[in-house]
N, C-alpha and C. Protein backbone atom coordinates (compact mmCIF):
# COMPACT_ATOMS: atom_id res chain seq x y z
N UNK A 1 199.12 45.05 -31.18
CA UNK A 1 198.75 43.97 -30.28
C UNK A 1 197.89 44.54 -29.15
N UNK A 2 196.87 43.78 -28.80
CA UNK A 2 195.99 44.17 -27.70
C UNK A 2 196.16 43.18 -26.56
N UNK A 3 196.29 43.69 -25.37
CA UNK A 3 196.32 42.84 -24.19
C UNK A 3 194.88 42.69 -23.70
N UNK A 4 194.45 41.44 -23.56
CA UNK A 4 193.12 41.18 -23.05
C UNK A 4 193.27 40.62 -21.63
N UNK A 5 192.62 41.28 -20.70
CA UNK A 5 192.64 40.84 -19.31
C UNK A 5 191.30 40.18 -19.00
N UNK A 6 191.33 38.88 -18.80
CA UNK A 6 190.14 38.11 -18.47
C UNK A 6 190.07 37.94 -16.95
N UNK A 7 188.94 38.29 -16.37
CA UNK A 7 188.70 38.04 -14.96
C UNK A 7 187.55 37.06 -14.87
N UNK A 8 187.79 35.97 -14.16
CA UNK A 8 186.75 34.96 -14.01
C UNK A 8 185.73 35.42 -12.97
N UNK A 9 184.61 34.74 -12.93
CA UNK A 9 183.58 35.02 -11.95
C UNK A 9 184.14 34.96 -10.53
N UNK A 10 185.11 34.06 -10.32
CA UNK A 10 185.72 33.89 -9.00
C UNK A 10 186.80 34.93 -8.70
N UNK A 11 187.18 35.73 -9.71
CA UNK A 11 188.18 36.77 -9.49
C UNK A 11 189.58 36.45 -10.00
N UNK A 12 189.77 35.28 -10.62
CA UNK A 12 191.09 34.93 -11.18
C UNK A 12 191.34 35.77 -12.42
N UNK A 13 192.50 36.42 -12.47
CA UNK A 13 192.85 37.30 -13.59
C UNK A 13 193.89 36.61 -14.46
N UNK A 14 193.61 36.57 -15.77
CA UNK A 14 194.55 36.01 -16.75
C UNK A 14 194.73 37.06 -17.84
N UNK A 15 195.98 37.38 -18.15
CA UNK A 15 196.29 38.39 -19.15
C UNK A 15 196.93 37.71 -20.35
N UNK A 16 196.38 38.00 -21.54
CA UNK A 16 196.85 37.36 -22.77
C UNK A 16 196.99 38.43 -23.85
N UNK A 17 198.04 38.33 -24.64
CA UNK A 17 198.21 39.23 -25.78
C UNK A 17 197.51 38.63 -26.99
N UNK A 18 196.65 39.43 -27.60
CA UNK A 18 195.94 39.00 -28.80
C UNK A 18 196.46 39.74 -30.02
N UNK A 19 196.22 39.17 -31.17
CA UNK A 19 196.68 39.75 -32.43
C UNK A 19 195.55 40.50 -33.13
N UNK A 20 195.88 41.54 -33.88
CA UNK A 20 194.85 42.26 -34.64
C UNK A 20 194.07 41.28 -35.53
N UNK A 21 192.76 41.46 -35.54
CA UNK A 21 191.89 40.60 -36.33
C UNK A 21 191.28 39.46 -35.55
N UNK A 22 191.91 39.07 -34.46
CA UNK A 22 191.34 38.01 -33.62
C UNK A 22 190.15 38.56 -32.85
N UNK A 23 189.21 37.67 -32.57
CA UNK A 23 188.13 38.07 -31.67
C UNK A 23 188.55 37.74 -30.24
N UNK A 24 187.91 38.38 -29.30
CA UNK A 24 188.18 38.09 -27.89
C UNK A 24 187.86 36.63 -27.60
N UNK A 25 186.81 36.08 -28.23
CA UNK A 25 186.47 34.67 -28.05
C UNK A 25 187.61 33.77 -28.52
N UNK A 26 188.19 34.07 -29.68
CA UNK A 26 189.29 33.26 -30.19
C UNK A 26 190.48 33.28 -29.23
N UNK A 27 190.80 34.45 -28.73
CA UNK A 27 191.91 34.57 -27.77
C UNK A 27 191.62 33.70 -26.54
N UNK A 28 190.40 33.76 -26.05
CA UNK A 28 190.03 33.00 -24.85
C UNK A 28 190.08 31.50 -25.10
N UNK A 29 189.45 31.05 -26.16
CA UNK A 29 189.39 29.61 -26.44
C UNK A 29 190.78 29.05 -26.70
N UNK A 30 191.58 29.75 -27.48
CA UNK A 30 192.93 29.28 -27.81
C UNK A 30 193.85 29.22 -26.60
N UNK A 31 193.48 29.95 -25.55
CA UNK A 31 194.33 29.99 -24.35
C UNK A 31 193.67 29.36 -23.13
N UNK A 32 192.61 28.60 -23.33
CA UNK A 32 192.01 27.82 -22.27
C UNK A 32 191.30 28.61 -21.18
N UNK A 33 190.74 29.75 -21.53
CA UNK A 33 190.00 30.52 -20.55
C UNK A 33 188.72 29.78 -20.20
N UNK A 34 188.54 29.49 -18.93
CA UNK A 34 187.34 28.79 -18.48
C UNK A 34 186.12 29.70 -18.63
N UNK A 35 184.98 29.11 -18.74
CA UNK A 35 183.70 29.82 -18.87
C UNK A 35 183.58 30.55 -20.20
N UNK A 36 184.35 30.13 -21.18
CA UNK A 36 184.19 30.70 -22.52
C UNK A 36 183.81 29.57 -23.44
N UNK A 37 182.52 29.45 -23.69
CA UNK A 37 182.04 28.35 -24.51
C UNK A 37 182.42 28.48 -25.97
N UNK A 38 181.92 29.51 -26.61
CA UNK A 38 182.20 29.67 -28.04
C UNK A 38 181.69 28.52 -28.86
N UNK A 39 180.55 27.97 -28.49
CA UNK A 39 180.01 26.77 -29.12
C UNK A 39 179.80 26.91 -30.63
N UNK A 40 179.42 28.08 -31.10
CA UNK A 40 179.13 28.24 -32.54
C UNK A 40 180.39 28.61 -33.33
N UNK A 41 181.51 28.77 -32.65
CA UNK A 41 182.74 29.11 -33.35
C UNK A 41 182.85 30.56 -33.78
N UNK A 42 181.95 31.39 -33.28
CA UNK A 42 182.05 32.82 -33.57
C UNK A 42 181.19 33.30 -34.71
N UNK A 43 180.16 32.54 -35.06
CA UNK A 43 179.30 32.94 -36.19
C UNK A 43 177.99 33.58 -35.73
N UNK A 44 177.92 33.98 -34.48
CA UNK A 44 176.78 34.72 -33.94
C UNK A 44 175.49 33.90 -33.99
N UNK A 45 175.61 32.62 -33.60
CA UNK A 45 174.39 31.80 -33.56
C UNK A 45 174.18 31.16 -32.20
N UNK A 46 174.95 31.59 -31.21
CA UNK A 46 174.74 31.15 -29.83
C UNK A 46 175.12 32.33 -28.94
N UNK A 47 175.05 32.13 -27.67
CA UNK A 47 175.43 33.22 -26.76
C UNK A 47 176.36 32.68 -25.67
N UNK A 48 177.23 31.73 -26.05
CA UNK A 48 178.10 31.10 -25.06
C UNK A 48 179.46 31.77 -24.94
N UNK A 49 179.57 32.98 -25.46
CA UNK A 49 180.82 33.74 -25.28
C UNK A 49 180.50 35.10 -24.66
N UNK A 50 179.48 35.11 -23.85
CA UNK A 50 179.03 36.32 -23.15
C UNK A 50 180.14 36.81 -22.21
N UNK A 51 180.43 38.09 -22.26
CA UNK A 51 181.38 38.71 -21.33
C UNK A 51 180.82 40.04 -20.87
N UNK A 52 181.33 40.48 -19.75
CA UNK A 52 181.03 41.80 -19.22
C UNK A 52 182.27 42.65 -19.44
N UNK A 53 182.16 43.65 -20.27
CA UNK A 53 183.29 44.52 -20.60
C UNK A 53 183.43 45.58 -19.51
N UNK A 54 184.66 45.86 -19.12
CA UNK A 54 184.91 46.92 -18.16
C UNK A 54 184.27 48.22 -18.66
N UNK A 55 183.59 48.92 -17.78
CA UNK A 55 182.84 50.11 -18.20
C UNK A 55 183.73 51.15 -18.86
N UNK A 56 185.00 51.27 -18.45
CA UNK A 56 185.90 52.24 -19.07
C UNK A 56 186.35 51.81 -20.46
N UNK A 57 186.32 50.52 -20.74
CA UNK A 57 186.73 50.00 -22.04
C UNK A 57 185.56 49.90 -23.02
N UNK A 58 184.35 49.80 -22.49
CA UNK A 58 183.17 49.59 -23.31
C UNK A 58 183.02 50.67 -24.40
N UNK A 59 183.24 51.90 -24.05
CA UNK A 59 183.07 53.01 -24.99
C UNK A 59 184.11 52.98 -26.11
N UNK A 60 185.19 52.26 -25.93
CA UNK A 60 186.24 52.17 -26.94
C UNK A 60 185.89 51.18 -28.05
N UNK A 61 184.85 50.38 -27.82
CA UNK A 61 184.47 49.35 -28.79
C UNK A 61 183.47 49.88 -29.79
N UNK A 62 183.48 49.32 -30.99
CA UNK A 62 182.43 49.69 -31.95
C UNK A 62 181.07 49.26 -31.39
N UNK A 63 180.01 49.93 -31.79
CA UNK A 63 178.70 49.54 -31.29
C UNK A 63 178.32 48.13 -31.74
N UNK A 64 177.49 47.49 -30.94
CA UNK A 64 177.07 46.14 -31.30
C UNK A 64 176.03 46.19 -32.42
N UNK A 65 175.98 45.12 -33.17
CA UNK A 65 175.00 45.00 -34.24
C UNK A 65 173.63 44.63 -33.64
N UNK A 66 172.58 44.85 -34.39
CA UNK A 66 171.26 44.42 -33.90
C UNK A 66 171.21 42.91 -33.63
N UNK A 67 171.93 42.12 -34.42
CA UNK A 67 171.95 40.67 -34.22
C UNK A 67 172.62 40.30 -32.89
N UNK A 68 173.74 40.97 -32.58
CA UNK A 68 174.40 40.71 -31.30
C UNK A 68 173.49 41.11 -30.15
N UNK A 69 172.86 42.25 -30.27
CA UNK A 69 171.94 42.72 -29.24
C UNK A 69 170.84 41.69 -28.99
N UNK A 70 170.30 41.14 -30.05
CA UNK A 70 169.25 40.12 -29.92
C UNK A 70 169.77 38.85 -29.27
N UNK A 71 170.97 38.41 -29.65
CA UNK A 71 171.55 37.20 -29.07
C UNK A 71 171.82 37.37 -27.57
N UNK A 72 172.15 38.57 -27.14
CA UNK A 72 172.42 38.81 -25.72
C UNK A 72 171.18 38.60 -24.86
N UNK A 73 170.01 38.63 -25.47
CA UNK A 73 168.79 38.35 -24.72
C UNK A 73 168.66 36.87 -24.37
N UNK A 74 169.51 36.02 -24.97
CA UNK A 74 169.44 34.59 -24.72
C UNK A 74 170.61 34.03 -23.93
N UNK A 75 171.32 34.86 -23.21
CA UNK A 75 172.47 34.37 -22.44
C UNK A 75 172.02 33.62 -21.20
N UNK A 76 172.85 32.70 -20.75
CA UNK A 76 172.54 31.90 -19.56
C UNK A 76 172.49 32.77 -18.30
N UNK A 77 173.41 33.69 -18.19
CA UNK A 77 173.43 34.67 -17.11
C UNK A 77 172.88 35.97 -17.70
N UNK A 78 171.96 36.60 -17.02
CA UNK A 78 171.33 37.80 -17.56
C UNK A 78 172.34 38.84 -18.01
N UNK A 79 172.03 39.44 -19.14
CA UNK A 79 172.87 40.50 -19.66
C UNK A 79 172.83 41.70 -18.73
N UNK A 80 173.89 42.50 -18.81
CA UNK A 80 173.99 43.72 -18.03
C UNK A 80 174.30 44.88 -18.99
N UNK A 81 174.46 46.04 -18.44
CA UNK A 81 174.68 47.23 -19.26
C UNK A 81 175.90 47.11 -20.16
N UNK A 82 176.95 46.45 -19.69
CA UNK A 82 178.20 46.37 -20.45
C UNK A 82 178.44 44.96 -21.01
N UNK A 83 177.38 44.22 -21.24
CA UNK A 83 177.49 42.89 -21.83
C UNK A 83 177.80 42.97 -23.32
N UNK A 84 178.63 42.04 -23.77
CA UNK A 84 178.91 41.86 -25.20
C UNK A 84 179.14 40.38 -25.44
N UNK A 85 179.11 40.00 -26.71
CA UNK A 85 179.52 38.65 -27.10
C UNK A 85 180.97 38.75 -27.55
N UNK A 86 181.82 37.94 -26.96
CA UNK A 86 183.26 38.02 -27.23
C UNK A 86 183.60 37.73 -28.68
N UNK A 87 182.77 36.95 -29.36
CA UNK A 87 183.04 36.66 -30.78
C UNK A 87 182.86 37.88 -31.66
N UNK A 88 182.18 38.89 -31.17
CA UNK A 88 181.90 40.08 -31.96
C UNK A 88 182.84 41.24 -31.63
N UNK A 89 183.77 41.01 -30.71
CA UNK A 89 184.76 42.05 -30.37
C UNK A 89 186.06 41.68 -31.07
N UNK A 90 186.38 42.40 -32.12
CA UNK A 90 187.61 42.16 -32.89
C UNK A 90 188.71 43.08 -32.38
N UNK A 91 189.88 42.50 -32.21
CA UNK A 91 191.01 43.28 -31.74
C UNK A 91 191.65 44.06 -32.88
N UNK A 92 192.11 45.25 -32.58
CA UNK A 92 192.88 46.04 -33.55
C UNK A 92 193.90 46.87 -32.78
N UNK A 93 194.81 47.47 -33.53
CA UNK A 93 195.92 48.19 -32.90
C UNK A 93 195.50 49.43 -32.13
N UNK A 94 194.28 49.90 -32.31
CA UNK A 94 193.84 51.10 -31.59
C UNK A 94 193.48 50.80 -30.13
N UNK A 95 193.35 49.53 -29.81
CA UNK A 95 192.95 49.12 -28.46
C UNK A 95 194.14 48.43 -27.79
N UNK A 96 194.74 49.10 -26.81
CA UNK A 96 195.92 48.54 -26.14
C UNK A 96 195.55 47.52 -25.08
N UNK A 97 194.49 47.80 -24.32
CA UNK A 97 194.07 46.93 -23.23
C UNK A 97 192.55 46.81 -23.24
N UNK A 98 192.08 45.60 -23.09
CA UNK A 98 190.65 45.35 -22.98
C UNK A 98 190.44 44.44 -21.78
N UNK A 99 189.59 44.87 -20.86
CA UNK A 99 189.31 44.11 -19.64
C UNK A 99 187.89 43.57 -19.71
N UNK A 100 187.77 42.25 -19.57
CA UNK A 100 186.46 41.61 -19.59
C UNK A 100 186.36 40.63 -18.43
N UNK A 101 185.14 40.40 -17.98
CA UNK A 101 184.86 39.41 -16.94
C UNK A 101 183.93 38.36 -17.53
N UNK A 102 184.24 37.10 -17.27
CA UNK A 102 183.39 36.02 -17.75
C UNK A 102 182.34 35.72 -16.69
N UNK A 103 181.13 35.35 -17.13
CA UNK A 103 180.08 35.01 -16.17
C UNK A 103 180.36 33.68 -15.49
N UNK A 104 179.56 33.38 -14.49
CA UNK A 104 179.74 32.14 -13.73
C UNK A 104 179.63 30.92 -14.63
N UNK A 105 178.72 30.93 -15.57
CA UNK A 105 178.57 29.84 -16.54
C UNK A 105 177.96 30.39 -17.80
N UNK A 106 178.06 29.61 -18.90
CA UNK A 106 177.57 30.06 -20.19
C UNK A 106 176.36 29.28 -20.70
N UNK A 107 176.17 28.08 -20.25
CA UNK A 107 175.09 27.27 -20.80
C UNK A 107 174.00 27.01 -19.80
């Protein structure tokens, strides 16, 4: 099980336990995390699940695909060094804690 700590743009912290195989977007949407659009349902055809991964956690994630990298160029809030799409971050047992911040808005 991975604990995902979501911090909103305003600083509100919500901690949720996710199951292996779930994406960070699924965990967020299923638990009512604000500012998590997930409009495409996780099929990498929108950029409404943009998150900023904590810099210490970023290196623990698999590298992003070229498609994810391209989609990040279309986010509503400009991408940053540690930007990822939450639909592309799959939880597994090797990751105990993942800290992400949601942008002010997604669309």
